[in-house]
Amino acid sequence: MIRKEYIRSVLNIFASSPFKPLGLHASKAGEAVRKLGESVDAFCNGDMEKVEQLNHEIDVLEHEADVIKQTIRSELSSSIMMPVNASDLLNFLKPQDSISDVAQEVSFWLTLRKFEASEEIRKGLLELMAKTLETVEEYEKLVDTLSELLETSFSKRDVEDSLTLVVEVEEMEHQVDLVEKDLIKKIFMEEESSGGASVYHLVRLAAGIGDIADKAENAADRLRTMIMRR
């Protein structure tokens, strides 16, 4: 249950800058993905008690992110002056919100079965999670530039720096995609020894983790549109 004090604190942040709540929302997504990284590590090491604990913590973070999202949406419906198009901002917010949503879903799936596969699959799953987390953290850096853009009235240099980060997020997501596809192929190659249920579970986990990076890329692309159309 989110306390009223928390909601008021989000409103206070919004009052000081329309971009700061976006940064707070992105940081909640980043926290959820970092927790998910811990959960994937615990899952691969057979610590299901920790997986359950982290699943609860990720649920809380996702709910907090939802509160921030709803606050942003409600405040944008007022007559507040915005340095960017409000509809562009909302279109950017949607995929950013999906980052914590998917992290929550993957976290839940981790609780359903113990890890039952080879060391090669374990290493692949950890690599996929690590690269996905790197992508999300690079995306967080991109969102952090929004406040700087506002302070400098979208100077050409700061806009170019932000757009460079968008390209970096896109390239990192591409690398995640390659790792994901390779891992899924390896999972299917172990179907005879692991069993169909295990294969389905692992493939869904791999696809979910990869989807987090995809959501970060989508949000970065929408952010680029917001910046270019201001």
C-alpha atoms as a PDB file:
ATOM      1  CA  MET A   1       0.000   0.000   0.000  1.00  0.00           C
ATOM      2  CA  ILE A   2       1.468   3.380  -1.072  1.00  0.00           C
ATOM      3  CA  ARG A   3       1.239   6.018   1.629  1.00  0.00           C
ATOM      4  CA  LYS A   4      -0.323   9.426   0.959  1.00  0.00           C
ATOM      5  CA  GLU A   5       2.991  11.005   1.977  1.00  0.00           C
ATOM      6  CA  TYR A   6       4.650   9.287  -0.964  1.00  0.00           C
ATOM      7  CA  ILE A   7       2.073  10.654  -3.402  1.00  0.00           C
ATOM      8  CA  ARG A   8       2.497  14.160  -1.973  1.00  0.00           C
ATOM      9  CA  SER A   9       6.265  13.918  -2.373  1.00  0.00           C
ATOM     10  CA  VAL A  10       5.833  13.042  -6.053  1.00  0.00           C
ATOM     11  CA  LEU A  11       3.524  16.035  -6.503  1.00  0.00           C
ATOM     12  CA  ASN A  12       6.132  18.293  -4.878  1.00  0.00           C
ATOM     13  CA  ILE A  13       8.783  17.024  -7.290  1.00  0.00           C
ATOM     14  CA  PHE A  14       6.471  17.707 -10.219  1.00  0.00           C
ATOM     15  CA  ALA A  15       5.892  21.264  -8.995  1.00  0.00           C
ATOM     16  CA  SER A  16       9.621  22.020  -9.214  1.00  0.00           C
ATOM     17  CA  SER A  17      10.136  20.535 -12.692  1.00  0.00           C
ATOM     18  CA  PRO A  18       7.958  18.547 -15.121  1.00  0.00           C
ATOM     19  CA  PHE A  19      10.968  16.420 -16.052  1.00  0.00           C
ATOM     20  CA  LYS A  20      12.079  15.372 -12.570  1.00  0.00           C
ATOM     21  CA  PRO A  21       9.178  12.920 -12.056  1.00  0.00           C
ATOM     22  CA  LEU A  22      10.180  11.286 -15.353  1.00  0.00           C
ATOM     23  CA  GLY A  23      13.653  10.773 -13.946  1.00  0.00           C
ATOM     24  CA  LEU A  24      12.194   9.387 -10.716  1.00  0.00           C
ATOM     25  CA  HIS A  25       9.967   7.054 -12.723  1.00  0.00           C
ATOM     26  CA  ALA A  26      12.946   5.852 -14.770  1.00  0.00           C
ATOM     27  CA  SER A  27      14.961   5.258 -11.599  1.00  0.00           C
ATOM     28  CA  LYS A  28      12.165   3.049 -10.226  1.00  0.00           C
ATOM     29  CA  ALA A  29      12.355   1.004 -13.415  1.00  0.00           C
ATOM     30  CA  GLY A  30      16.129   0.789 -13.029  1.00  0.00           C
ATOM     31  CA  GLU A  31      15.786  -0.336  -9.418  1.00  0.00           C
ATOM     32  CA  ALA A  32      13.327  -3.033 -10.457  1.00  0.00           C
ATOM     33  CA  VAL A  33      15.697  -4.338 -13.131  1.00  0.00           C
ATOM     34  CA  ARG A  34      18.637  -4.316 -10.714  1.00  0.00           C
ATOM     35  CA  LYS A  35      16.543  -6.336  -8.258  1.00  0.00           C
ATOM     36  CA  LEU A  36      15.656  -8.662 -11.112  1.00  0.00           C
ATOM     37  CA  GLY A  37      19.365  -9.136 -11.795  1.00  0.00           C
ATOM     38  CA  GLU A  38      19.789 -10.270  -8.195  1.00  0.00           C
ATOM     39  CA  SER A  39      16.807 -12.574  -8.588  1.00  0.00           C
ATOM     40  CA  VAL A  40      18.162 -14.187 -11.777  1.00  0.00           C
ATOM     41  CA  ASP A  41      21.459 -14.784  -9.978  1.00  0.00           C
ATOM     42  CA  ALA A  42      19.633 -16.353  -7.016  1.00  0.00           C
ATOM     43  CA  PHE A  43      17.508 -18.456  -9.390  1.00  0.00           C
ATOM     44  CA  CYS A  44      20.584 -19.782 -11.196  1.00  0.00           C
ATOM     45  CA  ASN A  45      22.140 -20.673  -7.826  1.00  0.00           C
ATOM     46  CA  GLY A  46      19.038 -22.441  -6.535  1.00  0.00           C
ATOM     47  CA  ASP A  47      18.161 -19.887  -3.841  1.00  0.00           C
ATOM     48  CA  MET A  48      14.401 -19.858  -4.333  1.00  0.00           C
ATOM     49  CA  GLU A  49      13.759 -18.204  -0.963  1.00  0.00           C
ATOM     50  CA  LYS A  50      15.678 -15.149  -2.134  1.00  0.00           C
ATOM     51  CA  VAL A  51      13.839 -15.259  -5.463  1.00  0.00           C
ATOM     52  CA  GLU A  52      10.532 -15.033  -3.574  1.00  0.00           C
ATOM     53  CA  GLN A  53      11.794 -12.182  -1.406  1.00  0.00           C
ATOM     54  CA  LEU A  54      13.034 -10.184  -4.401  1.00  0.00           C
ATOM     55  CA  ASN A  55       9.772 -10.812  -6.228  1.00  0.00           C
ATOM     56  CA  HIS A  56       7.944  -9.026  -3.415  1.00  0.00           C
ATOM     57  CA  GLU A  57      10.409  -6.130  -3.514  1.00  0.00           C
ATOM     58  CA  ILE A  58      10.000  -5.786  -7.278  1.00  0.00           C
ATOM     59  CA  ASP A  59       6.209  -5.747  -6.850  1.00  0.00           C
ATOM     60  CA  VAL A  60       6.587  -2.762  -4.510  1.00  0.00           C
ATOM     61  CA  LEU A  61       8.854  -0.900  -6.943  1.00  0.00           C
ATOM     62  CA  GLU A  62       6.483  -1.517  -9.837  1.00  0.00           C
ATOM     63  CA  HIS A  63       3.573  -0.177  -7.779  1.00  0.00           C
ATOM     64  CA  GLU A  64       5.558   2.930  -6.855  1.00  0.00           C
ATOM     65  CA  ALA A  65       6.354   3.448 -10.543  1.00  0.00           C
ATOM     66  CA  ASP A  66       2.627   3.233 -11.303  1.00  0.00           C
ATOM     67  CA  VAL A  67       1.878   5.926  -8.724  1.00  0.00           C
ATOM     68  CA  ILE A  68       4.442   8.236 -10.346  1.00  0.00           C
ATOM     69  CA  LYS A  69       3.023   7.472 -13.807  1.00  0.00           C
ATOM     70  CA  GLN A  70      -0.529   8.289 -12.718  1.00  0.00           C
ATOM     71  CA  THR A  71       0.673  11.482 -11.047  1.00  0.00           C
ATOM     72  CA  ILE A  72       2.440  12.604 -14.214  1.00  0.00           C
ATOM     73  CA  ARG A  73      -0.652  11.876 -16.298  1.00  0.00           C
ATOM     74  CA  SER A  74      -2.998  13.732 -13.951  1.00  0.00           C
ATOM     75  CA  GLU A  75      -0.720  16.780 -13.679  1.00  0.00           C
ATOM     76  CA  LEU A  76      -0.301  17.002 -17.447  1.00  0.00           C
ATOM     77  CA  SER A  77      -4.061  17.359 -17.779  1.00  0.00           C
ATOM     78  CA  SER A  78      -3.851  20.714 -16.014  1.00  0.00           C
ATOM     79  CA  SER A  79      -2.741  24.012 -17.560  1.00  0.00           C
ATOM     80  CA  ILE A  80       0.925  23.526 -16.680  1.00  0.00           C
ATOM     81  CA  MET A  81       3.364  25.068 -19.149  1.00  0.00           C
ATOM     82  CA  MET A  82       5.527  22.444 -20.849  1.00  0.00           C
ATOM     83  CA  PRO A  83       8.763  22.872 -22.834  1.00  0.00           C
ATOM     84  CA  VAL A  84       7.761  19.829 -24.932  1.00  0.00           C
ATOM     85  CA  ASN A  85       4.547  18.511 -26.447  1.00  0.00           C
ATOM     86  CA  ALA A  86       2.481  16.846 -23.716  1.00  0.00           C
ATOM     87  CA  SER A  87       1.298  14.052 -26.019  1.00  0.00           C
ATOM     88  CA  ASP A  88       4.909  13.289 -26.972  1.00  0.00           C
ATOM     89  CA  LEU A  89       5.779  13.077 -23.289  1.00  0.00           C
ATOM     90  CA  LEU A  90       2.941  10.645 -22.621  1.00  0.00           C
ATOM     91  CA  ASN A  91       3.940   8.539 -25.638  1.00  0.00           C
ATOM     92  CA  PHE A  92       7.434   8.368 -24.171  1.00  0.00           C
ATOM     93  CA  LEU A  93       6.153   7.526 -20.693  1.00  0.00           C
ATOM     94  CA  LYS A  94       4.263   4.422 -21.842  1.00  0.00           C
ATOM     95  CA  PRO A  95       7.255   2.273 -22.946  1.00  0.00           C
ATOM     96  CA  GLN A  96       9.295   3.557 -20.009  1.00  0.00           C
ATOM     97  CA  ASP A  97       6.573   2.296 -17.683  1.00  0.00           C
ATOM     98  CA  SER A  98       6.694  -1.074 -19.444  1.00  0.00           C
ATOM     99  CA  ILE A  99      10.259  -1.618 -18.204  1.00  0.00           C
ATOM    100  CA  SER A 100       9.130  -2.161 -14.609  1.00  0.00           C
ATOM    101  CA  ASP A 101       6.008  -4.003 -15.790  1.00  0.00           C
ATOM    102  CA  VAL A 102       8.046  -6.609 -17.657  1.00  0.00           C
ATOM    103  CA  ALA A 103      10.597  -6.840 -14.838  1.00  0.00           C
ATOM    104  CA  GLN A 104       7.721  -7.672 -12.486  1.00  0.00           C
ATOM    105  CA  GLU A 105       6.408 -10.344 -14.862  1.00  0.00           C
ATOM    106  CA  VAL A 106       9.824 -11.990 -15.272  1.00  0.00           C
ATOM    107  CA  SER A 107      10.324 -11.871 -11.521  1.00  0.00           C
ATOM    108  CA  PHE A 108       7.065 -13.768 -11.024  1.00  0.00           C
ATOM    109  CA  TRP A 109       8.064 -16.402 -13.579  1.00  0.00           C
ATOM    110  CA  LEU A 110      11.320 -16.972 -11.721  1.00  0.00           C
ATOM    111  CA  THR A 111       9.302 -18.109  -8.687  1.00  0.00           C
ATOM    112  CA  LEU A 112       7.459 -20.856 -10.587  1.00  0.00           C
ATOM    113  CA  ARG A 113      10.221 -23.434 -11.170  1.00  0.00           C
ATOM    114  CA  LYS A 114      13.725 -24.220 -10.009  1.00  0.00           C
ATOM    115  CA  PHE A 115      16.553 -23.871 -12.490  1.00  0.00           C
ATOM    116  CA  GLU A 116      17.049 -27.166 -14.324  1.00  0.00           C
ATOM    117  CA  ALA A 117      19.546 -26.870 -17.166  1.00  0.00           C
ATOM    118  CA  SER A 118      23.243 -27.031 -18.029  1.00  0.00           C
ATOM    119  CA  GLU A 119      26.027 -24.733 -16.900  1.00  0.00           C
ATOM    120  CA  GLU A 120      26.088 -23.284 -20.418  1.00  0.00           C
ATOM    121  CA  ILE A 121      22.450 -22.213 -20.102  1.00  0.00           C
ATOM    122  CA  ARG A 122      23.107 -20.790 -16.637  1.00  0.00           C
ATOM    123  CA  LYS A 123      25.975 -18.660 -17.981  1.00  0.00           C
ATOM    124  CA  GLY A 124      23.861 -17.570 -20.945  1.00  0.00           C
ATOM    125  CA  LEU A 125      20.987 -16.484 -18.733  1.00  0.00           C
ATOM    126  CA  LEU A 126      23.318 -14.485 -16.499  1.00  0.00           C
ATOM    127  CA  GLU A 127      24.970 -12.868 -19.526  1.00  0.00           C
ATOM    128  CA  LEU A 128      21.591 -11.925 -20.976  1.00  0.00           C
ATOM    129  CA  MET A 129      20.520 -10.374 -17.681  1.00  0.00           C
ATOM    130  CA  ALA A 130      23.794  -8.466 -17.340  1.00  0.00           C
ATOM    131  CA  LYS A 131      23.561  -6.988 -20.845  1.00  0.00           C
ATOM    132  CA  THR A 132      19.914  -6.081 -20.318  1.00  0.00           C
ATOM    133  CA  LEU A 133      20.772  -4.298 -17.086  1.00  0.00           C
ATOM    134  CA  GLU A 134      23.568  -2.398 -18.850  1.00  0.00           C
ATOM    135  CA  THR A 135      21.058  -1.273 -21.472  1.00  0.00           C
ATOM    136  CA  VAL A 136      18.580  -0.059 -18.859  1.00  0.00           C
ATOM    137  CA  GLU A 137      21.276   1.790 -16.922  1.00  0.00           C
ATOM    138  CA  GLU A 138      22.430   3.501 -20.123  1.00  0.00           C
ATOM    139  CA  TYR A 139      18.807   4.454 -20.687  1.00  0.00           C
ATOM    140  CA  GLU A 140      18.670   5.935 -17.172  1.00  0.00           C
ATOM    141  CA  LYS A 141      21.629   8.160 -18.123  1.00  0.00           C
ATOM    142  CA  LEU A 142      19.652   9.325 -21.137  1.00  0.00           C
ATOM    143  CA  VAL A 143      16.624  10.291 -19.033  1.00  0.00           C
ATOM    144  CA  ASP A 144      18.913  12.151 -16.637  1.00  0.00           C
ATOM    145  CA  THR A 145      19.832  14.500 -19.490  1.00  0.00           C
ATOM    146  CA  LEU A 146      16.254  15.823 -19.670  1.00  0.00           C
ATOM    147  CA  SER A 147      16.726  18.156 -16.717  1.00  0.00           C
ATOM    148  CA  GLU A 148      19.979  19.412 -18.246  1.00  0.00           C
ATOM    149  CA  LEU A 149      18.202  20.069 -21.524  1.00  0.00           C
ATOM    150  CA  LEU A 150      15.562  22.100 -19.717  1.00  0.00           C
ATOM    151  CA  GLU A 151      18.161  24.135 -17.817  1.00  0.00           C
ATOM    152  CA  THR A 152      20.085  24.980 -21.006  1.00  0.00           C
ATOM    153  CA  SER A 153      16.952  25.646 -23.100  1.00  0.00           C
ATOM    154  CA  PHE A 154      17.772  22.670 -25.304  1.00  0.00           C
ATOM    155  CA  SER A 155      21.192  23.875 -26.419  1.00  0.00           C
ATOM    156  CA  LYS A 156      22.454  22.242 -29.606  1.00  0.00           C
ATOM    157  CA  ARG A 157      25.357  20.545 -27.837  1.00  0.00           C
ATOM    158  CA  ASP A 158      23.196  19.048 -25.077  1.00  0.00           C
ATOM    159  CA  VAL A 159      20.620  17.852 -27.609  1.00  0.00           C
ATOM    160  CA  GLU A 160      23.379  16.153 -29.612  1.00  0.00           C
ATOM    161  CA  ASP A 161      24.734  14.496 -26.455  1.00  0.00           C
ATOM    162  CA  SER A 162      21.279  13.147 -25.639  1.00  0.00           C
ATOM    163  CA  LEU A 163      20.770  11.831 -29.160  1.00  0.00           C
ATOM    164  CA  THR A 164      24.141  10.074 -28.967  1.00  0.00           C
ATOM    165  CA  LEU A 165      22.923   8.244 -25.861  1.00  0.00           C
ATOM    166  CA  VAL A 166      19.792   7.164 -27.757  1.00  0.00           C
ATOM    167  CA  VAL A 167      21.981   5.526 -30.398  1.00  0.00           C
ATOM    168  CA  GLU A 168      24.030   3.806 -27.686  1.00  0.00           C
ATOM    169  CA  VAL A 169      20.868   2.380 -26.090  1.00  0.00           C
ATOM    170  CA  GLU A 170      19.761   1.095 -29.494  1.00  0.00           C
ATOM    171  CA  GLU A 171      23.092  -0.607 -30.117  1.00  0.00           C
ATOM    172  CA  MET A 172      23.089  -2.185 -26.667  1.00  0.00           C
ATOM    173  CA  GLU A 173      19.572  -3.519 -27.220  1.00  0.00           C
ATOM    174  CA  HIS A 174      20.780  -5.078 -30.479  1.00  0.00           C
ATOM    175  CA  GLN A 175      23.517  -6.906 -28.571  1.00  0.00           C
ATOM    176  CA  VAL A 176      20.920  -8.134 -26.060  1.00  0.00           C
ATOM    177  CA  ASP A 177      18.826  -9.428 -28.942  1.00  0.00           C
ATOM    178  CA  LEU A 178      21.755 -11.442 -30.308  1.00  0.00           C
ATOM    179  CA  VAL A 179      22.482 -13.005 -26.911  1.00  0.00           C
ATOM    180  CA  GLU A 180      18.794 -13.791 -26.396  1.00  0.00           C
ATOM    181  CA  LYS A 181      18.454 -15.596 -29.736  1.00  0.00           C
ATOM    182  CA  ASP A 182      21.613 -17.608 -29.170  1.00  0.00           C
ATOM    183  CA  LEU A 183      20.459 -18.605 -25.683  1.00  0.00           C
ATOM    184  CA  ILE A 184      17.024 -19.706 -26.876  1.00  0.00           C
ATOM    185  CA  LYS A 185      18.624 -21.930 -29.507  1.00  0.00           C
ATOM    186  CA  LYS A 186      20.771 -23.563 -26.834  1.00  0.00           C
ATOM    187  CA  ILE A 187      17.767 -24.072 -24.557  1.00  0.00           C
ATOM    188  CA  PHE A 188      15.902 -25.957 -27.285  1.00  0.00           C
ATOM    189  CA  MET A 189      18.962 -28.105 -27.938  1.00  0.00           C
ATOM    190  CA  GLU A 190      18.635 -29.408 -24.366  1.00  0.00           C
ATOM    191  CA  GLU A 191      14.948 -30.273 -24.666  1.00  0.00           C
ATOM    192  CA  GLU A 192      15.561 -34.031 -24.507  1.00  0.00           C
ATOM    193  CA  SER A 193      17.493 -33.843 -21.245  1.00  0.00           C
ATOM    194  CA  SER A 194      15.607 -30.956 -19.614  1.00  0.00           C
ATOM    195  CA  GLY A 195      12.030 -31.725 -20.638  1.00  0.00           C
ATOM    196  CA  GLY A 196       9.386 -29.634 -22.336  1.00  0.00           C
ATOM    197  CA  ALA A 197       8.209 -27.785 -19.224  1.00  0.00           C
ATOM    198  CA  SER A 198      11.718 -26.642 -18.359  1.00  0.00           C
ATOM    199  CA  VAL A 199      12.378 -25.539 -21.937  1.00  0.00           C
ATOM    200  CA  TYR A 200       9.157 -23.521 -22.034  1.00  0.00           C
ATOM    201  CA  HIS A 201       9.958 -21.890 -18.697  1.00  0.00           C
ATOM    202  CA  LEU A 202      13.511 -20.947 -19.665  1.00  0.00           C
ATOM    203  CA  VAL A 203      12.531 -19.685 -23.108  1.00  0.00           C
ATOM    204  CA  ARG A 204       9.864 -17.488 -21.578  1.00  0.00           C
ATOM    205  CA  LEU A 205      12.366 -16.143 -19.059  1.00  0.00           C
ATOM    206  CA  ALA A 206      14.927 -15.394 -21.785  1.00  0.00           C
ATOM    207  CA  ALA A 207      12.325 -13.676 -23.956  1.00  0.00           C
ATOM    208  CA  GLY A 208      11.064 -11.647 -20.996  1.00  0.00           C
ATOM    209  CA  ILE A 209      14.519 -10.457 -20.009  1.00  0.00           C
ATOM    210  CA  GLY A 210      15.256  -9.490 -23.599  1.00  0.00           C
ATOM    211  CA  ASP A 211      11.950  -7.641 -23.790  1.00  0.00           C
ATOM    212  CA  ILE A 212      13.071  -5.335 -20.975  1.00  0.00           C
ATOM    213  CA  ALA A 213      15.918  -4.062 -23.159  1.00  0.00           C
ATOM    214  CA  ASP A 214      13.465  -3.704 -26.040  1.00  0.00           C
ATOM    215  CA  LYS A 215      11.187  -1.514 -23.900  1.00  0.00           C
ATOM    216  CA  ALA A 216      14.173   0.672 -22.976  1.00  0.00           C
ATOM    217  CA  GLU A 217      15.009   1.064 -26.663  1.00  0.00           C
ATOM    218  CA  ASN A 218      11.397   1.952 -27.496  1.00  0.00           C
ATOM    219  CA  ALA A 219      11.346   4.566 -24.747  1.00  0.00           C
ATOM    220  CA  ALA A 220      14.660   6.003 -25.960  1.00  0.00           C
ATOM    221  CA  ASP A 221      13.232   6.299 -29.477  1.00  0.00           C
ATOM    222  CA  ARG A 222      10.127   8.101 -28.173  1.00  0.00           C
ATOM    223  CA  LEU A 223      12.342  10.393 -26.120  1.00  0.00           C
ATOM    224  CA  ARG A 224      14.263  11.275 -29.286  1.00  0.00           C
ATOM    225  CA  THR A 225      10.986  12.159 -30.979  1.00  0.00           C
ATOM    226  CA  MET A 226       9.992  14.326 -28.023  1.00  0.00           C
ATOM    227  CA  ILE A 227      13.279  16.204 -28.146  1.00  0.00           C
ATOM    228  CA  MET A 228      13.275  16.705 -31.911  1.00  0.00           C
ATOM    229  CA  ARG A 229       9.651  17.916 -32.036  1.00  0.00           C
ATOM    230  CA  ARG A 230       9.811  20.376 -29.141  1.00  0.00           C
END
